[in-house]
C-alpha atoms as a PDB file:
ATOM      1  CA  MET A   1       0.245   0.077   0.045  1.00  0.00           C
ATOM      2  CA  ILE A   2       1.627   3.435  -0.954  1.00  0.00           C
ATOM      3  CA  ASP A   3       2.056   5.835   2.134  1.00  0.00           C
ATOM      4  CA  ILE A   4       1.337   9.187   0.797  1.00  0.00           C
ATOM      5  CA  SER A   5       3.080  11.092   3.431  1.00  0.00           C
ATOM      6  CA  GLU A   6       5.419   9.282   2.603  1.00  0.00           C
ATOM      7  CA  GLN A   7       5.971   9.433  -0.779  1.00  0.00           C
ATOM      8  CA  ILE A   8       5.618  13.555  -0.212  1.00  0.00           C
ATOM      9  CA  LEU A   9       8.680  12.957   1.977  1.00  0.00           C
ATOM     10  CA  LEU A  10      10.805  11.692  -1.006  1.00  0.00           C
ATOM     11  CA  PHE A  11       9.258  13.758  -3.279  1.00  0.00           C
ATOM     12  CA  VAL A  12      10.888  17.158  -1.818  1.00  0.00           C
ATOM     13  CA  VAL A  13      13.879  15.507  -0.458  1.00  0.00           C
ATOM     14  CA  SER A  14      14.950  14.717  -4.246  1.00  0.00           C
ATOM     15  CA  LEU A  15      13.443  18.191  -5.342  1.00  0.00           C
ATOM     16  CA  LEU A  16      16.092  19.889  -2.752  1.00  0.00           C
ATOM     17  CA  ALA A  17      19.140  17.505  -3.423  1.00  0.00           C
ATOM     18  CA  ASN A  18      18.455  17.705  -7.523  1.00  0.00           C
ATOM     19  CA  PHE A  19      18.195  21.650  -7.399  1.00  0.00           C
ATOM     20  CA  PHE A  20      21.381  21.969  -5.698  1.00  0.00           C
ATOM     21  CA  SER A  21      22.712  19.161  -7.535  1.00  0.00           C
ATOM     22  CA  ALA A  22      21.831  21.261 -11.035  1.00  0.00           C
ATOM     23  CA  LEU A  23      23.497  24.022  -9.742  1.00  0.00           C
ATOM     24  CA  ALA A  24      26.297  23.049  -8.454  1.00  0.00           C
ATOM     25  CA  GLY A  25      27.397  20.515 -11.222  1.00  0.00           C
ATOM     26  CA  GLY A  26      27.142  17.221  -8.485  1.00  0.00           C
ATOM     27  CA  GLY A  27      26.081  16.140  -5.523  1.00  0.00           C
ATOM     28  CA  ALA A  28      22.436  14.933  -4.961  1.00  0.00           C
ATOM     29  CA  GLY A  29      23.754  11.993  -3.415  1.00  0.00           C
ATOM     30  CA  LEU A  30      24.255  14.260  -0.232  1.00  0.00           C
ATOM     31  CA  ILE A  31      20.635  14.593   0.487  1.00  0.00           C
ATOM     32  CA  GLN A  32      19.192  11.864  -1.585  1.00  0.00           C
ATOM     33  CA  LEU A  33      21.005   8.322  -0.371  1.00  0.00           C
ATOM     34  CA  PRO A  34      21.514   9.194   3.335  1.00  0.00           C
ATOM     35  CA  ALA A  35      17.477  10.308   2.736  1.00  0.00           C
ATOM     36  CA  LEU A  36      16.689   6.407   1.543  1.00  0.00           C
ATOM     37  CA  ILE A  37      18.764   4.900   4.166  1.00  0.00           C
ATOM     38  CA  PHE A  38      17.273   6.955   7.135  1.00  0.00           C
ATOM     39  CA  LEU A  39      13.663   5.481   5.228  1.00  0.00           C
ATOM     40  CA  GLY A  40      15.050   1.665   5.796  1.00  0.00           C
ATOM     41  CA  LEU A  41      16.673   0.409   2.586  1.00  0.00           C
ATOM     42  CA  PRO A  42      19.654  -1.115   3.056  1.00  0.00           C
ATOM     43  CA  PHE A  43      22.915   0.480   0.878  1.00  0.00           C
ATOM     44  CA  GLY A  44      22.454  -1.239  -1.935  1.00  0.00           C
ATOM     45  CA  LEU A  45      18.898  -1.295  -2.150  1.00  0.00           C
ATOM     46  CA  ALA A  46      19.064   2.908  -1.609  1.00  0.00           C
ATOM     47  CA  LEU A  47      22.541   2.868  -4.187  1.00  0.00           C
ATOM     48  CA  ALA A  48      20.639   1.024  -7.129  1.00  0.00           C
ATOM     49  CA  THR A  49      17.368   3.346  -6.364  1.00  0.00           C
ATOM     50  CA  HIS A  50      19.150   6.749  -6.145  1.00  0.00           C
ATOM     51  CA  LYS A  51      20.620   6.402  -9.413  1.00  0.00           C
ATOM     52  CA  VAL A  52      17.959   5.123 -11.353  1.00  0.00           C
ATOM     53  CA  ALA A  53      15.850   8.555  -9.721  1.00  0.00           C
ATOM     54  CA  SER A  54      19.671  10.850 -10.632  1.00  0.00           C
ATOM     55  CA  VAL A  55      18.894   9.792 -14.129  1.00  0.00           C
ATOM     56  CA  ALA A  56      16.152  11.957 -14.510  1.00  0.00           C
ATOM     57  CA  LEU A  57      17.876  15.134 -12.655  1.00  0.00           C
ATOM     58  CA  GLY A  58      20.332  14.882 -15.780  1.00  0.00           C
ATOM     59  CA  VAL A  59      17.047  14.828 -18.132  1.00  0.00           C
ATOM     60  CA  GLY A  60      15.203  17.913 -15.988  1.00  0.00           C
ATOM     61  CA  ALA A  61      18.884  19.642 -16.595  1.00  0.00           C
ATOM     62  CA  THR A  62      19.596  18.246 -20.432  1.00  0.00           C
ATOM     63  CA  ILE A  63      15.882  20.373 -21.075  1.00  0.00           C
ATOM     64  CA  ARG A  64      16.962  23.589 -19.677  1.00  0.00           C
ATOM     65  CA  HIS A  65      20.500  23.523 -20.949  1.00  0.00           C
ATOM     66  CA  LEU A  66      19.794  22.858 -24.468  1.00  0.00           C
ATOM     67  CA  LYS A  67      18.153  25.653 -24.840  1.00  0.00           C
ATOM     68  CA  SER A  68      21.099  27.815 -24.150  1.00  0.00           C
ATOM     69  CA  SER A  69      24.758  25.393 -23.999  1.00  0.00           C
ATOM     70  CA  ARG A  70      26.356  24.700 -27.472  1.00  0.00           C
ATOM     71  CA  LEU A  71      28.000  21.164 -26.323  1.00  0.00           C
ATOM     72  CA  GLU A  72      30.931  19.832 -28.826  1.00  0.00           C
ATOM     73  CA  ARG A  73      29.929  16.687 -29.867  1.00  0.00           C
ATOM     74  CA  ARG A  74      32.997  14.954 -30.268  1.00  0.00           C
ATOM     75  CA  PHE A  75      34.019  16.280 -26.843  1.00  0.00           C
ATOM     76  CA  ALA A  76      30.863  15.031 -25.386  1.00  0.00           C
ATOM     77  CA  LEU A  77      31.186  11.334 -27.120  1.00  0.00           C
ATOM     78  CA  PHE A  78      35.010  11.514 -25.745  1.00  0.00           C
ATOM     79  CA  ILE A  79      33.577  12.135 -22.154  1.00  0.00           C
ATOM     80  CA  LEU A  80      31.037   9.371 -22.621  1.00  0.00           C
ATOM     81  CA  GLY A  81      34.178   6.715 -24.174  1.00  0.00           C
ATOM     82  CA  THR A  82      35.934   6.933 -21.446  1.00  0.00           C
ATOM     83  CA  GLY A  83      33.977   7.231 -18.842  1.00  0.00           C
ATOM     84  CA  LEU A  84      30.803   4.581 -19.297  1.00  0.00           C
ATOM     85  CA  PRO A  85      33.361   1.729 -19.027  1.00  0.00           C
ATOM     86  CA  GLY A  86      34.695   3.357 -15.870  1.00  0.00           C
ATOM     87  CA  VAL A  87      30.736   3.422 -14.376  1.00  0.00           C
ATOM     88  CA  ILE A  88      30.036  -0.152 -15.405  1.00  0.00           C
ATOM     89  CA  LEU A  89      33.122  -1.177 -13.559  1.00  0.00           C
ATOM     90  CA  GLY A  90      32.665   0.765 -10.230  1.00  0.00           C
ATOM     91  CA  ALA A  91      29.021  -0.469 -10.459  1.00  0.00           C
ATOM     92  CA  SER A  92      30.149  -4.290 -11.368  1.00  0.00           C
ATOM     93  CA  ILE A  93      32.188  -4.294  -7.766  1.00  0.00           C
ATOM     94  CA  ILE A  94      30.666  -2.151  -5.210  1.00  0.00           C
ATOM     95  CA  LEU A  95      28.244  -4.792  -4.027  1.00  0.00           C
ATOM     96  CA  GLN A  96      31.004  -7.023  -3.076  1.00  0.00           C
ATOM     97  CA  ILE A  97      32.958  -4.651  -0.853  1.00  0.00           C
ATOM     98  CA  PRO A  98      32.690  -2.212   2.396  1.00  0.00           C
ATOM     99  CA  ASP A  99      32.089   1.121   1.370  1.00  0.00           C
ATOM    100  CA  ARG A 100      33.574   2.371   4.906  1.00  0.00           C
ATOM    101  CA  LEU A 101      36.868   3.337   4.009  1.00  0.00           C
ATOM    102  CA  ALA A 102      36.210   4.389   0.210  1.00  0.00           C
ATOM    103  CA  GLN A 103      33.788   7.038   1.648  1.00  0.00           C
ATOM    104  CA  ILE A 104      36.746   8.303   4.471  1.00  0.00           C
ATOM    105  CA  ALA A 105      38.529   9.116   1.609  1.00  0.00           C
ATOM    106  CA  LEU A 106      35.964   9.702  -0.761  1.00  0.00           C
ATOM    107  CA  GLY A 107      35.179  12.688   1.673  1.00  0.00           C
ATOM    108  CA  VAL A 108      39.083  13.516   1.934  1.00  0.00           C
ATOM    109  CA  LEU A 109      39.260  14.412  -1.648  1.00  0.00           C
ATOM    110  CA  THR A 110      35.608  16.085  -1.853  1.00  0.00           C
ATOM    111  CA  MET A 111      36.366  18.819   0.551  1.00  0.00           C
ATOM    112  CA  GLY A 112      39.636  19.418  -1.072  1.00  0.00           C
ATOM    113  CA  LEU A 113      37.573  20.173  -4.378  1.00  0.00           C
ATOM    114  CA  GLY A 114      35.939  23.163  -2.466  1.00  0.00           C
ATOM    115  CA  ILE A 115      38.729  24.619  -0.350  1.00  0.00           C
ATOM    116  CA  TYR A 116      41.096  24.329  -4.077  1.00  0.00           C
ATOM    117  CA  SER A 117      38.116  25.896  -5.967  1.00  0.00           C
ATOM    118  CA  TYR A 118      37.857  28.389  -2.735  1.00  0.00           C
ATOM    119  CA  PHE A 119      41.755  29.458  -3.167  1.00  0.00           C
ATOM    120  CA  SER A 120      41.399  30.189  -6.486  1.00  0.00           C
ATOM    121  CA  PRO A 121      39.340  32.941  -7.003  1.00  0.00           C
ATOM    122  CA  GLN A 122      39.437  33.015 -11.355  1.00  0.00           C
ATOM    123  CA  LEU A 123      39.110  29.505 -11.245  1.00  0.00           C
ATOM    124  CA  GLY A 124      36.448  28.568 -14.139  1.00  0.00           C
ATOM    125  CA  GLN A 125      35.010  32.046 -14.433  1.00  0.00           C
ATOM    126  CA  THR A 126      36.167  32.664 -18.662  1.00  0.00           C
ATOM    127  CA  LEU A 127      36.387  29.450 -20.821  1.00  0.00           C
ATOM    128  CA  GLU A 128      40.335  28.996 -22.410  1.00  0.00           C
ATOM    129  CA  LEU A 129      40.183  25.817 -24.032  1.00  0.00           C
ATOM    130  CA  LYS A 130      43.104  23.783 -23.216  1.00  0.00           C
ATOM    131  CA  ASN A 131      44.905  20.315 -23.442  1.00  0.00           C
ATOM    132  CA  ARG A 132      42.664  19.096 -26.253  1.00  0.00           C
ATOM    133  CA  HIS A 133      46.313  17.880 -27.880  1.00  0.00           C
ATOM    134  CA  ASN A 134      46.999  13.897 -28.045  1.00  0.00           C
ATOM    135  CA  LYS A 135      48.563  13.509 -24.587  1.00  0.00           C
ATOM    136  CA  GLY A 136      46.483  16.111 -22.858  1.00  0.00           C
ATOM    137  CA  MET A 137      43.427  14.490 -24.466  1.00  0.00           C
ATOM    138  CA  LEU A 138      45.002  10.550 -23.085  1.00  0.00           C
ATOM    139  CA  ILE A 139      45.472  12.349 -19.576  1.00  0.00           C
ATOM    140  CA  GLY A 140      42.422  13.820 -19.213  1.00  0.00           C
ATOM    141  CA  GLY A 141      40.753  10.975 -20.427  1.00  0.00           C
ATOM    142  CA  LEU A 142      42.269   8.626 -17.957  1.00  0.00           C
ATOM    143  CA  LEU A 143      40.916  10.916 -15.003  1.00  0.00           C
ATOM    144  CA  ILE A 144      37.571  10.655 -16.415  1.00  0.00           C
ATOM    145  CA  PHE A 145      37.686   6.763 -16.493  1.00  0.00           C
ATOM    146  CA  VAL A 146      38.619   6.548 -13.007  1.00  0.00           C
ATOM    147  CA  LEU A 147      35.737   9.341 -12.199  1.00  0.00           C
ATOM    148  CA  GLY A 148      33.778   6.772 -13.662  1.00  0.00           C
ATOM    149  CA  VAL A 149      34.572   3.922 -11.280  1.00  0.00           C
ATOM    150  CA  LEU A 150      33.761   6.363  -8.685  1.00  0.00           C
ATOM    151  CA  ASN A 151      30.829   7.440 -10.332  1.00  0.00           C
ATOM    152  CA  GLY A 152      29.469   3.216 -10.568  1.00  0.00           C
ATOM    153  CA  SER A 153      30.845   2.750  -6.941  1.00  0.00           C
ATOM    154  CA  LEU A 154      30.040   5.527  -5.009  1.00  0.00           C
ATOM    155  CA  THR A 155      26.962   8.494  -4.932  1.00  0.00           C
ATOM    156  CA  SER A 156      27.627  11.307  -2.957  1.00  0.00           C
ATOM    157  CA  GLY A 157      29.856  14.267  -5.431  1.00  0.00           C
ATOM    158  CA  THR A 158      31.170  12.690  -8.244  1.00  0.00           C
ATOM    159  CA  GLY A 159      29.397  14.557 -10.426  1.00  0.00           C
ATOM    160  CA  LEU A 160      31.805  17.390  -9.012  1.00  0.00           C
ATOM    161  CA  PHE A 161      34.834  16.047  -9.014  1.00  0.00           C
ATOM    162  CA  VAL A 162      34.106  15.497 -13.500  1.00  0.00           C
ATOM    163  CA  THR A 163      32.810  19.438 -13.195  1.00  0.00           C
ATOM    164  CA  LEU A 164      36.278  20.593 -11.095  1.00  0.00           C
ATOM    165  CA  TRP A 165      39.071  18.424 -13.756  1.00  0.00           C
ATOM    166  CA  LEU A 166      36.471  19.475 -16.864  1.00  0.00           C
ATOM    167  CA  VAL A 167      37.330  23.041 -15.482  1.00  0.00           C
ATOM    168  CA  ARG A 168      40.681  22.395 -13.997  1.00  0.00           C
ATOM    169  CA  TRP A 169      42.146  20.065 -16.977  1.00  0.00           C
ATOM    170  CA  PHE A 170      40.409  21.158 -20.381  1.00  0.00           C
ATOM    171  CA  GLY A 171      39.810  24.721 -19.307  1.00  0.00           C
ATOM    172  CA  LEU A 172      36.374  25.041 -19.165  1.00  0.00           C
ATOM    173  CA  ASP A 173      34.276  27.570 -17.265  1.00  0.00           C
ATOM    174  CA  TYR A 174      31.624  26.377 -14.313  1.00  0.00           C
ATOM    175  CA  LYS A 175      28.874  27.351 -16.545  1.00  0.00           C
ATOM    176  CA  THR A 176      29.881  24.982 -19.767  1.00  0.00           C
ATOM    177  CA  ALA A 177      31.397  22.472 -17.769  1.00  0.00           C
ATOM    178  CA  VAL A 178      28.388  21.557 -15.801  1.00  0.00           C
ATOM    179  CA  ALA A 179      26.190  21.139 -18.388  1.00  0.00           C
ATOM    180  CA  TYR A 180      28.360  18.654 -19.550  1.00  0.00           C
ATOM    181  CA  THR A 181      28.603  16.952 -16.082  1.00  0.00           C
ATOM    182  CA  LEU A 182      24.699  17.109 -15.545  1.00  0.00           C
ATOM    183  CA  ILE A 183      24.110  15.997 -19.613  1.00  0.00           C
ATOM    184  CA  LEU A 184      26.444  13.272 -19.515  1.00  0.00           C
ATOM    185  CA  VAL A 185      27.124  12.305 -16.130  1.00  0.00           C
ATOM    186  CA  GLY A 186      23.389  12.641 -15.180  1.00  0.00           C
ATOM    187  CA  ILE A 187      21.607  10.429 -17.868  1.00  0.00           C
ATOM    188  CA  PHE A 188      24.283   7.972 -19.887  1.00  0.00           C
ATOM    189  CA  TRP A 189      26.879   7.265 -16.677  1.00  0.00           C
ATOM    190  CA  ASN A 190      23.593   7.098 -14.416  1.00  0.00           C
ATOM    191  CA  ALA A 191      21.769   5.084 -16.492  1.00  0.00           C
ATOM    192  CA  SER A 192      24.724   2.982 -16.984  1.00  0.00           C
ATOM    193  CA  GLY A 193      25.257   2.435 -13.141  1.00  0.00           C
ATOM    194  CA  ALA A 194      21.631   1.714 -12.528  1.00  0.00           C
ATOM    195  CA  ILE A 195      20.669  -0.946 -14.573  1.00  0.00           C
ATOM    196  CA  THR A 196      24.465  -2.627 -13.597  1.00  0.00           C
ATOM    197  CA  LEU A 197      22.971  -2.256 -10.373  1.00  0.00           C
ATOM    198  CA  GLY A 198      19.410  -2.933 -11.261  1.00  0.00           C
ATOM    199  CA  LEU A 199      20.785  -6.786 -12.733  1.00  0.00           C
ATOM    200  CA  LEU A 200      23.310  -7.292  -9.961  1.00  0.00           C
ATOM    201  CA  GLY A 201      20.665  -6.340  -7.258  1.00  0.00           C
ATOM    202  CA  ASP A 202      17.189  -4.702  -6.833  1.00  0.00           C
ATOM    203  CA  ILE A 203      15.414  -1.659  -6.874  1.00  0.00           C
ATOM    204  CA  HIS A 204      13.047  -0.684  -4.870  1.00  0.00           C
ATOM    205  CA  TRP A 205      10.204   0.843  -7.801  1.00  0.00           C
ATOM    206  CA  LEU A 206       7.679   1.825  -5.424  1.00  0.00           C
ATOM    207  CA  TRP A 207       9.945   5.028  -4.485  1.00  0.00           C
ATOM    208  CA  ILE A 208      10.613   5.650  -7.790  1.00  0.00           C
ATOM    209  CA  PRO A 209       7.920   7.765  -9.440  1.00  0.00           C
ATOM    210  CA  ALA A 210       7.788  10.559  -6.005  1.00  0.00           C
ATOM    211  CA  LEU A 211      11.536  10.483  -6.757  1.00  0.00           C
ATOM    212  CA  LEU A 212      11.709  10.764 -10.492  1.00  0.00           C
ATOM    213  CA  ALA A 213       9.426  13.440 -10.299  1.00  0.00           C
ATOM    214  CA  GLY A 214      11.780  15.696  -7.532  1.00  0.00           C
ATOM    215  CA  SER A 215      14.679  14.690  -9.713  1.00  0.00           C
ATOM    216  CA  LEU A 216      13.218  15.957 -13.070  1.00  0.00           C
ATOM    217  CA  ILE A 217      11.660  19.344 -11.478  1.00  0.00           C
ATOM    218  CA  GLY A 218      15.019  20.173  -9.350  1.00  0.00           C
ATOM    219  CA  GLY A 219      17.168  19.583 -12.082  1.00  0.00           C
ATOM    220  CA  TYR A 220      15.090  21.547 -14.732  1.00  0.00           C
ATOM    221  CA  PHE A 221      14.913  24.512 -12.118  1.00  0.00           C
ATOM    222  CA  GLY A 222      18.627  24.232 -10.603  1.00  0.00           C
ATOM    223  CA  ALA A 223      19.795  24.340 -14.449  1.00  0.00           C
ATOM    224  CA  HIS A 224      17.618  27.665 -14.972  1.00  0.00           C
ATOM    225  CA  MET A 225      19.240  28.971 -11.928  1.00  0.00           C
ATOM    226  CA  ALA A 226      22.376  28.220 -12.965  1.00  0.00           C
ATOM    227  CA  ILE A 227      22.042  29.683 -16.665  1.00  0.00           C
ATOM    228  CA  ILE A 228      20.771  33.235 -15.287  1.00  0.00           C
ATOM    229  CA  LYS A 229      23.583  33.314 -12.664  1.00  0.00           C
ATOM    230  CA  GLY A 230      26.324  31.922 -13.948  1.00  0.00           C
ATOM    231  CA  ASN A 231      30.066  31.174 -13.065  1.00  0.00           C
ATOM    232  CA  LYS A 232      29.992  33.200  -9.922  1.00  0.00           C
ATOM    233  CA  LEU A 233      27.313  31.822  -8.331  1.00  0.00           C
ATOM    234  CA  ILE A 234      28.124  28.167  -9.938  1.00  0.00           C
ATOM    235  CA  LYS A 235      31.538  28.715  -8.404  1.00  0.00           C
ATOM    236  CA  THR A 236      30.098  29.288  -5.184  1.00  0.00           C
ATOM    237  CA  THR A 237      27.395  26.642  -4.517  1.00  0.00           C
ATOM    238  CA  PHE A 238      29.937  24.012  -5.923  1.00  0.00           C
ATOM    239  CA  GLU A 239      31.889  24.883  -2.720  1.00  0.00           C
ATOM    240  CA  VAL A 240      29.675  24.833   0.149  1.00  0.00           C
ATOM    241  CA  VAL A 241      28.718  21.534  -1.630  1.00  0.00           C
ATOM    242  CA  THR A 242      31.521  19.978  -2.067  1.00  0.00           C
ATOM    243  CA  ILE A 243      32.276  21.084   1.550  1.00  0.00           C
ATOM    244  CA  LEU A 244      29.288  19.436   3.157  1.00  0.00           C
ATOM    245  CA  ILE A 245      29.390  16.043   1.267  1.00  0.00           C
ATOM    246  CA  GLY A 246      32.984  15.826   2.284  1.00  0.00           C
ATOM    247  CA  LEU A 247      31.904  16.172   5.837  1.00  0.00           C
ATOM    248  CA  LYS A 248      28.691  14.018   5.467  1.00  0.00           C
ATOM    249  CA  LEU A 249      31.147  11.389   4.351  1.00  0.00           C
ATOM    250  CA  LEU A 250      33.171  11.855   6.759  1.00  0.00           C
ATOM    251  CA  ILE A 251      30.716  11.791   9.468  1.00  0.00           C
ATOM    252  CA  GLY A 252      29.193   8.685   8.069  1.00  0.00           C
END
């Protein structure tokens, strides 16, 4: 039997989590995954359910970004081609290993992202493409693969790593990097992870409609706010979200 109050709570949690995720370029798991666990789902089931719902974040953000963003098709395919194998690999192994140590390490790294961005005031404020030569693309692609493994195996904040890497290594501004992250990671990476986890484990389908609705709406309006307000707000939100996620992962 469907509990209406529970569905409303799931919708609100998903709406807030994905609004800030779309604005910062990742981090929906900061709120959404712990909420699913708090409401009674074991980690593996909560992870798979969260992954399915996160796809709607990418859809909602994509609807808004495609109206104003001009993404390079070849570069988008490069991100997919290097990242998707990592996502599938990460999702294949996460259900078989303890996650606490990995969460602590990820927490430290995630906080480091926010601190690094904070002390780099001009980072991501202008679009200055770089490292598009063969060596630069190889190094960039290898790290995107590693980030794909993290995305498939862990949830909180891995999209933020992709956003900052696109800014730092490839010279994108925050607005452009967030668009790539939300469209490619939000839809394709998360869908691959959800399918892999669904095949290897279970998904709590009763909660999916409320989570999908919140993700879709939150993703759209978060992306809208990012486009309207620009790089400065995105950078500030990115820094706040990364530090909060890092603390959450460290506390457990």
